[in-house]
Amino acid sequence: EENFEKEAEREQTIIGPHRDEILFFLDDMELRNFGSQGQHRLFSMSL
C-alpha cells in the first residue's frame, strides 16, 4: 500500500522476498565488505 505509486512508476514489484538478503558475519565484521580471501573460502566451506 505504501509503495503503490512507486511500483506503478517503476512498473515492477519492488516489495517481497524476491529482494531478501542474507548477510554473513565473523564476530562483528561483515564478511562481504571486510573479509580476506581466506576468510571467504573458509566461510563458504563451512556453509
All heavy atoms as atom14 arrays in JSON, in Angstrom:
{
  "sequence": "EENFEKEAEREQTIIGPHRDEILFFLDDMELRNFGSQGQHRLFSMSL",
  "atom14_mask": [
    [1, 1, 1, 1, 1, 1, 1, 1, 1, 0, 0, 0, 0, 0],
    [1, 1, 1, 1, 1, 1, 1, 1, 1, 0, 0, 0, 0, 0],
    [1, 1, 1, 1, 1, 1, 1, 1, 0, 0, 0, 0, 0, 0],
    [1, 1, 1, 1, 1, 1, 1, 1, 1, 1, 1, 0, 0, 0],
    [1, 1, 1, 1, 1, 1, 1, 1, 1, 0, 0, 0, 0, 0],
    [1, 1, 1, 1, 1, 1, 1, 1, 1, 0, 0, 0, 0, 0],
    [1, 1, 1, 1, 1, 1, 1, 1, 1, 0, 0, 0, 0, 0],
    [1, 1, 1, 1, 1, 0, 0, 0, 0, 0, 0, 0, 0, 0],
    [1, 1, 1, 1, 1, 1, 1, 1, 1, 0, 0, 0, 0, 0],
    [1, 1, 1, 1, 1, 1, 1, 1, 1, 1, 1, 0, 0, 0],
    [1, 1, 1, 1, 1, 1, 1, 1, 1, 0, 0, 0, 0, 0],
    [1, 1, 1, 1, 1, 1, 1, 1, 1, 0, 0, 0, 0, 0],
    [1, 1, 1, 1, 1, 1, 1, 0, 0, 0, 0, 0, 0, 0],
    [1, 1, 1, 1, 1, 1, 1, 1, 0, 0, 0, 0, 0, 0],
    [1, 1, 1, 1, 1, 1, 1, 1, 0, 0, 0, 0, 0, 0],
    [1, 1, 1, 1, 0, 0, 0, 0, 0, 0, 0, 0, 0, 0],
    [1, 1, 1, 1, 1, 1, 1, 0, 0, 0, 0, 0, 0, 0],
    [1, 1, 1, 1, 1, 1, 1, 1, 1, 1, 0, 0, 0, 0],
    [1, 1, 1, 1, 1, 1, 1, 1, 1, 1, 1, 0, 0, 0],
    [1, 1, 1, 1, 1, 1, 1, 1, 0, 0, 0, 0, 0, 0],
    [1, 1, 1, 1, 1, 1, 1, 1, 1, 0, 0, 0, 0, 0],
    [1, 1, 1, 1, 1, 1, 1, 1, 0, 0, 0, 0, 0, 0],
    [1, 1, 1, 1, 1, 1, 1, 1, 0, 0, 0, 0, 0, 0],
    [1, 1, 1, 1, 1, 1, 1, 1, 1, 1, 1, 0, 0, 0],
    [1, 1, 1, 1, 1, 1, 1, 1, 1, 1, 1, 0, 0, 0],
    [1, 1, 1, 1, 1, 1, 1, 1, 0, 0, 0, 0, 0, 0],
    [1, 1, 1, 1, 1, 1, 1, 1, 0, 0, 0, 0, 0, 0],
    [1, 1, 1, 1, 1, 1, 1, 1, 0, 0, 0, 0, 0, 0],
    [1, 1, 1, 1, 1, 1, 1, 1, 0, 0, 0, 0, 0, 0],
    [1, 1, 1, 1, 1, 1, 1, 1, 1, 0, 0, 0, 0, 0],
    [1, 1, 1, 1, 1, 1, 1, 1, 0, 0, 0, 0, 0, 0],
    [1, 1, 1, 1, 1, 1, 1, 1, 1, 1, 1, 0, 0, 0],
    [1, 1, 1, 1, 1, 1, 1, 1, 0, 0, 0, 0, 0, 0],
    [1, 1, 1, 1, 1, 1, 1, 1, 1, 1, 1, 0, 0, 0],
    [1, 1, 1, 1, 0, 0, 0, 0, 0, 0, 0, 0, 0, 0],
    [1, 1, 1, 1, 1, 1, 0, 0, 0, 0, 0, 0, 0, 0],
    [1, 1, 1, 1, 1, 1, 1, 1, 1, 0, 0, 0, 0, 0],
    [1, 1, 1, 1, 0, 0, 0, 0, 0, 0, 0, 0, 0, 0],
    [1, 1, 1, 1, 1, 1, 1, 1, 1, 0, 0, 0, 0, 0],
    [1, 1, 1, 1, 1, 1, 1, 1, 1, 1, 0, 0, 0, 0],
    [1, 1, 1, 1, 1, 1, 1, 1, 1, 1, 1, 0, 0, 0],
    [1, 1, 1, 1, 1, 1, 1, 1, 0, 0, 0, 0, 0, 0],
    [1, 1, 1, 1, 1, 1, 1, 1, 1, 1, 1, 0, 0, 0],
    [1, 1, 1, 1, 1, 1, 0, 0, 0, 0, 0, 0, 0, 0],
    [1, 1, 1, 1, 1, 1, 1, 1, 0, 0, 0, 0, 0, 0],
    [1, 1, 1, 1, 1, 1, 0, 0, 0, 0, 0, 0, 0, 0],
    [1, 1, 1, 1, 1, 1, 1, 1, 0, 0, 0, 0, 0, 0]
  ],
  "atom14_positions": [
    [[0.83, -1.21, 0.0], [0.0, 0.0, 0.0], [0.86, 1.25, 0.0], [0.64, 2.19, -0.77], [-0.92, -0.01, 1.23], [-1.72, 1.26, 1.44], [-2.88, 1.41, 0.48], [-3.32, 0.39, -0.07], [-3.33, 2.56, 0.27], [0.0, 0.0, 0.0], [0.0, 0.0, 0.0], [0.0, 0.0, 0.0], [0.0, 0.0, 0.0], [0.0, 0.0, 0.0]],
    [[1.88, 1.28, 0.85], [2.74, 2.44, 0.98], [3.58, 2.68, -0.27], [3.94, 3.82, -0.59], [3.66, 2.29, 2.19], [2.93, 2.31, 3.53], [3.85, 2.01, 4.7], [5.06, 1.74, 4.44], [3.39, 2.03, 5.85], [0.0, 0.0, 0.0], [0.0, 0.0, 0.0], [0.0, 0.0, 0.0], [0.0, 0.0, 0.0], [0.0, 0.0, 0.0]],
    [[3.9, 1.62, -0.99], [4.79, 1.74, -2.15], [4.05, 1.61, -3.48], [4.69, 1.44, -4.52], [5.88, 0.66, -2.08], [6.9, 0.92, -0.99], [7.9, 1.62, -1.22], [6.67, 0.38, 0.19], [0.0, 0.0, 0.0], [0.0, 0.0, 0.0], [0.0, 0.0, 0.0], [0.0, 0.0, 0.0], [0.0, 0.0, 0.0], [0.0, 0.0, 0.0]],
    [[2.73, 1.72, -3.44], [1.94, 1.54, -4.66], [2.36, 2.49, -5.77], [2.61, 2.09, -6.91], [0.45, 1.71, -4.36], [-0.38, 1.89, -5.58], [-0.56, 0.84, -6.49], [-0.99, 3.12, -5.88], [-1.32, 1.01, -7.64], [-1.74, 3.29, -7.03], [-1.92, 2.23, -7.91], [0.0, 0.0, 0.0], [0.0, 0.0, 0.0], [0.0, 0.0, 0.0]],
    [[2.45, 3.78, -5.47], [2.79, 4.75, -6.52], [4.2, 4.54, -7.05], [4.45, 4.7, -8.25], [2.63, 6.18, -5.97], [1.19, 6.56, -5.68], [1.05, 8.02, -5.29], [2.06, 8.75, -5.34], [-0.07, 8.43, -4.95], [0.0, 0.0, 0.0], [0.0, 0.0, 0.0], [0.0, 0.0, 0.0], [0.0, 0.0, 0.0], [0.0, 0.0, 0.0]],
    [[5.11, 4.16, -6.16], [6.49, 3.9, -6.61], [6.53, 2.69, -7.54], [7.23, 2.69, -8.56], [7.38, 3.67, -5.39], [8.86, 3.54, -5.71], [9.69, 3.28, -4.47], [9.66, 4.48, -3.53], [10.55, 4.27, -2.35], [0.0, 0.0, 0.0], [0.0, 0.0, 0.0], [0.0, 0.0, 0.0], [0.0, 0.0, 0.0], [0.0, 0.0, 0.0]],
    [[5.78, 1.63, -7.2], [5.74, 0.45, -8.07], [5.07, 0.76, -9.41], [5.5, 0.26, -10.45], [5.01, -0.7, -7.37], [5.8, -1.3, -6.21], [5.17, -2.58, -5.69], [3.93, -2.71, -5.76], [5.91, -3.46, -5.22], [0.0, 0.0, 0.0], [0.0, 0.0, 0.0], [0.0, 0.0, 0.0], [0.0, 0.0, 0.0], [0.0, 0.0, 0.0]],
    [[4.03, 1.58, -9.36], [3.36, 1.97, -10.61], [4.3, 2.74, -11.52], [4.3, 2.57, -12.74], [2.12, 2.79, -10.29], [0.0, 0.0, 0.0], [0.0, 0.0, 0.0], [0.0, 0.0, 0.0], [0.0, 0.0, 0.0], [0.0, 0.0, 0.0], [0.0, 0.0, 0.0], [0.0, 0.0, 0.0], [0.0, 0.0, 0.0], [0.0, 0.0, 0.0]],
    [[5.13, 3.59, -10.91], [6.09, 4.38, -11.68], [7.18, 3.5, -12.27], [7.57, 3.65, -13.43], [6.7, 5.46, -10.79], [7.71, 6.34, -11.51], [8.34, 7.37, -10.58], [7.92, 7.47, -9.41], [9.27, 8.07, -11.03], [0.0, 0.0, 0.0], [0.0, 0.0, 0.0], [0.0, 0.0, 0.0], [0.0, 0.0, 0.0], [0.0, 0.0, 0.0]],
    [[7.67, 2.56, -11.47], [8.77, 1.7, -11.93], [8.26, 0.51, -12.75], [9.05, -0.2, -13.38], [9.56, 1.19, -10.74], [10.27, 2.28, -9.96], [11.17, 1.68, -8.9], [11.81, 2.7, -8.08], [12.67, 2.44, -7.1], [13.0, 1.18, -6.82], [13.2, 3.42, -6.4], [0.0, 0.0, 0.0], [0.0, 0.0, 0.0], [0.0, 0.0, 0.0]],
    [[6.96, 0.26, -12.68], [6.32, -0.83, -13.41], [6.87, -2.2, -13.02], [7.04, -3.1, -13.86], [6.45, -0.62, -14.92], [5.78, 0.66, -15.41], [5.85, 0.82, -16.92], [6.69, 0.14, -17.56], [5.08, 1.63, -17.47], [0.0, 0.0, 0.0], [0.0, 0.0, 0.0], [0.0, 0.0, 0.0], [0.0, 0.0, 0.0], [0.0, 0.0, 0.0]],
    [[7.14, -2.39, -11.75], [7.6, -3.68, -11.26], [7.36, -3.8, -9.76], [7.22, -2.79, -9.06], [9.08, -3.89, -11.56], [10.01, -2.88, -10.9], [11.46, -3.21, -11.17], [11.88, -4.36, -11.08], [12.23, -2.19, -11.52], [0.0, 0.0, 0.0], [0.0, 0.0, 0.0], [0.0, 0.0, 0.0], [0.0, 0.0, 0.0], [0.0, 0.0, 0.0]],
    [[7.3, -5.04, -9.29], [7.11, -5.32, -7.87], [8.44, -5.14, -7.15], [9.41, -5.85, -7.44], [6.59, -6.75, -7.67], [5.39, -6.93, -8.42], [6.33, -7.04, -6.21], [0.0, 0.0, 0.0], [0.0, 0.0, 0.0], [0.0, 0.0, 0.0], [0.0, 0.0, 0.0], [0.0, 0.0, 0.0], [0.0, 0.0, 0.0], [0.0, 0.0, 0.0]],
    [[8.49, -4.19, -6.22], [9.75, -3.9, -5.53], [9.71, -4.33, -4.07], [10.72, -4.19, -3.36], [10.09, -2.4, -5.61], [9.02, -1.55, -4.92], [10.28, -1.98, -7.07], [9.37, -0.08, -4.85], [0.0, 0.0, 0.0], [0.0, 0.0, 0.0], [0.0, 0.0, 0.0], [0.0, 0.0, 0.0], [0.0, 0.0, 0.0], [0.0, 0.0, 0.0]],
    [[8.59, -4.87, -3.61], [8.47, -5.33, -2.24], [8.22, -6.83, -2.24], [7.33, -7.31, -2.96], [7.29, -4.63, -1.51], [7.45, -3.11, -1.55], [7.18, -5.12, -0.07], [8.68, -2.6, -0.82], [0.0, 0.0, 0.0], [0.0, 0.0, 0.0], [0.0, 0.0, 0.0], [0.0, 0.0, 0.0], [0.0, 0.0, 0.0], [0.0, 0.0, 0.0]],
    [[8.97, -7.59, -1.44], [8.72, -9.02, -1.34], [9.99, -9.82, -1.1], [11.1, -9.28, -1.14], [0.0, 0.0, 0.0], [0.0, 0.0, 0.0], [0.0, 0.0, 0.0], [0.0, 0.0, 0.0], [0.0, 0.0, 0.0], [0.0, 0.0, 0.0], [0.0, 0.0, 0.0], [0.0, 0.0, 0.0], [0.0, 0.0, 0.0], [0.0, 0.0, 0.0]],
    [[9.85, -11.11, -0.86], [11.0, -11.97, -0.55], [11.97, -12.14, -1.71], [13.09, -12.63, -1.5], [10.35, -13.3, -0.17], [9.0, -13.28, -0.8], [8.57, -11.84, -0.77], [0.0, 0.0, 0.0], [0.0, 0.0, 0.0], [0.0, 0.0, 0.0], [0.0, 0.0, 0.0], [0.0, 0.0, 0.0], [0.0, 0.0, 0.0], [0.0, 0.0, 0.0]],
    [[11.57, -11.74, -2.93], [12.5, -11.81, -4.06], [13.62, -10.79, -3.94], [14.57, -10.8, -4.74], [11.75, -11.6, -5.38], [11.05, -10.29, -5.49], [9.89, -10.02, -4.81], [11.36, -9.15, -6.19], [9.5, -8.78, -5.09], [10.37, -8.24, -5.92], [0.0, 0.0, 0.0], [0.0, 0.0, 0.0], [0.0, 0.0, 0.0], [0.0, 0.0, 0.0]],
    [[13.54, -9.93, -2.92], [14.6, -8.95, -2.68], [15.28, -9.15, -1.32], [15.99, -8.28, -0.83], [14.03, -7.54, -2.79], [13.37, -7.28, -4.14], [13.03, -5.83, -4.33], [14.23, -4.99, -4.4], [14.25, -3.76, -4.91], [13.16, -3.25, -5.42], [15.35, -3.06, -4.91], [0.0, 0.0, 0.0], [0.0, 0.0, 0.0], [0.0, 0.0, 0.0]],
    [[15.04, -10.29, -0.71], [15.66, -10.58, 0.58], [17.18, -10.64, 0.47], [17.74, -10.9, -0.6], [15.15, -11.92, 1.12], [13.74, -11.83, 1.69], [13.21, -10.71, 1.75], [13.18, -12.88, 2.07], [0.0, 0.0, 0.0], [0.0, 0.0, 0.0], [0.0, 0.0, 0.0], [0.0, 0.0, 0.0], [0.0, 0.0, 0.0], [0.0, 0.0, 0.0]],
    [[17.82, -10.46, 1.61], [19.28, -10.55, 1.69], [19.66, -11.36, 2.93], [18.96, -11.32, 3.95], [19.89, -9.14, 1.77], [21.37, -9.05, 2.14], [22.31, -9.63, 1.1], [22.24, -10.85, 0.88], [23.14, -8.86, 0.55], [0.0, 0.0, 0.0], [0.0, 0.0, 0.0], [0.0, 0.0, 0.0], [0.0, 0.0, 0.0], [0.0, 0.0, 0.0]],
    [[20.75, -12.12, 2.81], [21.33, -12.82, 3.96], [22.75, -12.32, 4.11], [23.57, -12.46, 3.19], [21.34, -14.35, 3.76], [19.91, -14.88, 3.53], [21.94, -15.04, 4.99], [19.58, -15.12, 2.1], [0.0, 0.0, 0.0], [0.0, 0.0, 0.0], [0.0, 0.0, 0.0], [0.0, 0.0, 0.0], [0.0, 0.0, 0.0], [0.0, 0.0, 0.0]],
    [[23.03, -11.68, 5.23], [24.36, -11.13, 5.49], [25.16, -12.12, 6.34], [24.64, -12.74, 7.27], [24.25, -9.8, 6.24], [23.47, -8.68, 5.54], [23.43, -7.44, 6.41], [24.08, -8.35, 4.19], [0.0, 0.0, 0.0], [0.0, 0.0, 0.0], [0.0, 0.0, 0.0], [0.0, 0.0, 0.0], [0.0, 0.0, 0.0], [0.0, 0.0, 0.0]],
    [[26.44, -12.26, 6.02], [27.34, -13.15, 6.74], [28.31, -12.32, 7.59], [28.87, -11.32, 7.1], [28.15, -14.01, 5.77], [27.31, -14.92, 4.91], [27.71, -15.23, 3.62], [26.15, -15.49, 5.4], [26.94, -16.08, 2.83], [25.38, -16.33, 4.62], [25.78, -16.63, 3.33], [0.0, 0.0, 0.0], [0.0, 0.0, 0.0], [0.0, 0.0, 0.0]],
    [[28.53, -12.77, 8.81], [29.41, -12.06, 9.73], [30.41, -13.02, 10.38], [30.1, -14.19, 10.6], [28.6, -11.38, 10.85], [27.75, -10.24, 10.4], [26.46, -10.45, 9.95], [28.24, -8.92, 10.43], [25.66, -9.4, 9.53], [27.44, -7.87, 10.02], [26.15, -8.1, 9.57], [0.0, 0.0, 0.0], [0.0, 0.0, 0.0], [0.0, 0.0, 0.0]],
    [[31.59, -12.49, 10.66], [32.55, -13.12, 11.57], [32.71, -12.16, 12.75], [33.21, -11.05, 12.58], [33.9, -13.35, 10.88], [33.96, -14.53, 9.91], [35.31, -14.56, 9.2], [33.71, -15.85, 10.63], [0.0, 0.0, 0.0], [0.0, 0.0, 0.0], [0.0, 0.0, 0.0], [0.0, 0.0, 0.0], [0.0, 0.0, 0.0], [0.0, 0.0, 0.0]],
    [[32.26, -12.6, 13.92], [32.1, -11.68, 15.05], [31.24, -10.5, 14.58], [30.14, -10.69, 14.12], [33.45, -11.26, 15.61], [34.11, -12.41, 16.39], [33.41, -13.37, 16.76], [35.33, -12.35, 16.63], [0.0, 0.0, 0.0], [0.0, 0.0, 0.0], [0.0, 0.0, 0.0], [0.0, 0.0, 0.0], [0.0, 0.0, 0.0], [0.0, 0.0, 0.0]],
    [[31.78, -9.28, 14.64], [31.01, -8.11, 14.21], [31.39, -7.62, 12.82], [30.93, -6.58, 12.37], [31.21, -6.96, 15.22], [30.66, -7.29, 16.59], [29.64, -8.02, 16.65], [31.24, -6.86, 17.59], [0.0, 0.0, 0.0], [0.0, 0.0, 0.0], [0.0, 0.0, 0.0], [0.0, 0.0, 0.0], [0.0, 0.0, 0.0], [0.0, 0.0, 0.0]],
    [[32.23, -8.38, 12.12], [32.72, -7.98, 10.8], [31.84, -8.58, 9.71], [31.66, -9.8, 9.64], [34.16, -8.45, 10.61], [34.74, -8.11, 9.24], [36.34, -8.92, 8.95], [35.86, -10.63, 8.76], [0.0, 0.0, 0.0], [0.0, 0.0, 0.0], [0.0, 0.0, 0.0], [0.0, 0.0, 0.0], [0.0, 0.0, 0.0], [0.0, 0.0, 0.0]],
    [[31.27, -7.72, 8.84], [30.51, -8.23, 7.71], [31.48, -8.79, 6.67], [32.34, -8.08, 6.15], [29.64, -7.15, 7.08], [28.74, -7.7, 5.98], [27.87, -6.65, 5.32], [27.73, -5.54, 5.87], [27.33, -6.95, 4.23], [0.0, 0.0, 0.0], [0.0, 0.0, 0.0], [0.0, 0.0, 0.0], [0.0, 0.0, 0.0], [0.0, 0.0, 0.0]],
    [[31.34, -10.06, 6.39], [32.32, -10.77, 5.58], [32.45, -10.2, 4.18], [33.57, -10.05, 3.67], [31.92, -12.25, 5.5], [32.92, -13.19, 4.85], [34.18, -13.3, 5.69], [32.3, -14.57, 4.66], [0.0, 0.0, 0.0], [0.0, 0.0, 0.0], [0.0, 0.0, 0.0], [0.0, 0.0, 0.0], [0.0, 0.0, 0.0], [0.0, 0.0, 0.0]],
    [[31.34, -9.87, 3.53], [31.4, -9.42, 2.14], [32.24, -8.17, 1.98], [32.95, -8.01, 0.98], [29.98, -9.17, 1.62], [29.94, -8.8, 0.14], [28.54, -8.46, -0.3], [28.52, -8.04, -1.69], [27.52, -7.43, -2.27], [26.41, -7.17, -1.59], [27.57, -7.07, -3.53], [0.0, 0.0, 0.0], [0.0, 0.0, 0.0], [0.0, 0.0, 0.0]],
    [[32.17, -7.27, 2.94], [32.87, -5.99, 2.82], [34.28, -5.99, 3.39], [35.13, -5.23, 2.93], [32.05, -4.89, 3.51], [30.73, -4.63, 2.81], [30.63, -4.77, 1.6], [29.71, -4.27, 3.57], [0.0, 0.0, 0.0], [0.0, 0.0, 0.0], [0.0, 0.0, 0.0], [0.0, 0.0, 0.0], [0.0, 0.0, 0.0], [0.0, 0.0, 0.0]],
    [[34.53, -6.85, 4.38], [35.8, -6.75, 5.1], [36.59, -8.05, 5.18], [37.72, -8.04, 5.67], [35.55, -6.23, 6.53], [34.85, -4.91, 6.58], [33.51, -4.82, 6.91], [35.53, -3.73, 6.27], [32.86, -3.6, 6.96], [34.88, -2.5, 6.31], [33.54, -2.44, 6.65], [0.0, 0.0, 0.0], [0.0, 0.0, 0.0], [0.0, 0.0, 0.0]],
    [[36.02, -9.15, 4.7], [36.71, -10.43, 4.84], [37.86, -10.6, 3.85], [37.8, -10.12, 2.72], [0.0, 0.0, 0.0], [0.0, 0.0, 0.0], [0.0, 0.0, 0.0], [0.0, 0.0, 0.0], [0.0, 0.0, 0.0], [0.0, 0.0, 0.0], [0.0, 0.0, 0.0], [0.0, 0.0, 0.0], [0.0, 0.0, 0.0], [0.0, 0.0, 0.0]],
    [[38.9, -11.32, 4.29], [40.0, -11.65, 3.4], [39.6, -12.81, 2.49], [38.57, -13.47, 2.71], [41.23, -12.06, 4.22], [40.98, -13.29, 4.9], [0.0, 0.0, 0.0], [0.0, 0.0, 0.0], [0.0, 0.0, 0.0], [0.0, 0.0, 0.0], [0.0, 0.0, 0.0], [0.0, 0.0, 0.0], [0.0, 0.0, 0.0], [0.0, 0.0, 0.0]],
    [[40.39, -13.07, 1.47], [40.08, -14.17, 0.55], [40.04, -15.5, 1.3], [39.17, -16.34, 1.04], [41.1, -14.23, -0.58], [40.75, -15.26, -1.65], [41.7, -15.22, -2.84], [42.63, -14.44, -2.88], [41.45, -16.05, -3.83], [0.0, 0.0, 0.0], [0.0, 0.0, 0.0], [0.0, 0.0, 0.0], [0.0, 0.0, 0.0], [0.0, 0.0, 0.0]],
    [[40.97, -15.69, 2.24], [40.99, -16.91, 3.02], [39.76, -17.06, 3.89], [39.2, -18.15, 4.03], [0.0, 0.0, 0.0], [0.0, 0.0, 0.0], [0.0, 0.0, 0.0], [0.0, 0.0, 0.0], [0.0, 0.0, 0.0], [0.0, 0.0, 0.0], [0.0, 0.0, 0.0], [0.0, 0.0, 0.0], [0.0, 0.0, 0.0], [0.0, 0.0, 0.0]],
    [[39.29, -15.95, 4.48], [38.09, -15.99, 5.3], [36.85, -16.29, 4.47], [35.96, -17.03, 4.9], [37.93, -14.67, 6.05], [38.92, -14.49, 7.18], [38.88, -13.1, 7.8], [38.63, -12.11, 7.11], [39.12, -13.03, 9.1], [0.0, 0.0, 0.0], [0.0, 0.0, 0.0], [0.0, 0.0, 0.0], [0.0, 0.0, 0.0], [0.0, 0.0, 0.0]],
    [[36.8, -15.74, 3.26], [35.69, -16.06, 2.36], [35.67, -17.55, 2.04], [34.6, -18.19, 2.06], [35.81, -15.26, 1.06], [35.28, -13.86, 1.15], [33.96, -13.56, 0.97], [35.91, -12.68, 1.4], [33.79, -12.26, 1.1], [34.96, -11.7, 1.37], [0.0, 0.0, 0.0], [0.0, 0.0, 0.0], [0.0, 0.0, 0.0], [0.0, 0.0, 0.0]],
    [[36.83, -18.1, 1.74], [36.91, -19.51, 1.36], [36.47, -20.41, 2.52], [35.67, -21.34, 2.34], [38.34, -19.86, 0.94], [38.49, -21.31, 0.46], [39.92, -21.65, 0.1], [40.44, -20.77, -0.94], [41.42, -19.89, -0.75], [41.99, -19.76, 0.44], [41.84, -19.14, -1.74], [0.0, 0.0, 0.0], [0.0, 0.0, 0.0], [0.0, 0.0, 0.0]],
    [[36.97, -20.14, 3.72], [36.64, -20.97, 4.87], [35.17, -20.84, 5.27], [34.54, -21.8, 5.69], [37.54, -20.62, 6.05], [39.02, -21.0, 5.89], [39.85, -20.43, 7.03], [39.18, -22.51, 5.81], [0.0, 0.0, 0.0], [0.0, 0.0, 0.0], [0.0, 0.0, 0.0], [0.0, 0.0, 0.0], [0.0, 0.0, 0.0], [0.0, 0.0, 0.0]],
    [[34.61, -19.64, 5.11], [33.2, -19.43, 5.44], [32.3, -20.2, 4.47], [31.34, -20.85, 4.89], [32.86, -17.94, 5.41], [31.62, -17.58, 6.17], [31.7, -17.0, 7.42], [30.36, -17.81, 5.62], [30.55, -16.66, 8.13], [29.21, -17.47, 6.32], [29.31, -16.9, 7.58], [0.0, 0.0, 0.0], [0.0, 0.0, 0.0], [0.0, 0.0, 0.0]],
    [[32.62, -20.12, 3.17], [31.8, -20.83, 2.17], [31.9, -22.34, 2.37], [30.89, -23.07, 2.23], [32.21, -20.44, 0.75], [33.55, -20.81, 0.47], [0.0, 0.0, 0.0], [0.0, 0.0, 0.0], [0.0, 0.0, 0.0], [0.0, 0.0, 0.0], [0.0, 0.0, 0.0], [0.0, 0.0, 0.0], [0.0, 0.0, 0.0], [0.0, 0.0, 0.0]],
    [[33.09, -22.84, 2.72], [33.24, -24.26, 3.02], [32.39, -24.64, 4.22], [31.72, -25.69, 4.22], [34.71, -24.58, 3.3], [35.6, -24.57, 2.08], [37.35, -24.65, 2.52], [37.36, -26.04, 3.64], [0.0, 0.0, 0.0], [0.0, 0.0, 0.0], [0.0, 0.0, 0.0], [0.0, 0.0, 0.0], [0.0, 0.0, 0.0], [0.0, 0.0, 0.0]],
    [[32.4, -23.8, 5.23], [31.63, -24.08, 6.45], [30.13, -24.09, 6.16], [29.39, -24.89, 6.74], [31.96, -23.04, 7.52], [33.34, -23.04, 7.82], [0.0, 0.0, 0.0], [0.0, 0.0, 0.0], [0.0, 0.0, 0.0], [0.0, 0.0, 0.0], [0.0, 0.0, 0.0], [0.0, 0.0, 0.0], [0.0, 0.0, 0.0], [0.0, 0.0, 0.0]],
    [[29.68, -23.2, 5.28], [28.27, -23.18, 4.89], [27.85, -24.52, 4.3], [26.79, -25.07, 4.66], [28.02, -22.08, 3.86], [27.88, -20.65, 4.36], [27.89, -19.68, 3.18], [26.6, -20.46, 5.17], [0.0, 0.0, 0.0], [0.0, 0.0, 0.0], [0.0, 0.0, 0.0], [0.0, 0.0, 0.0], [0.0, 0.0, 0.0], [0.0, 0.0, 0.0]]
  ]
}
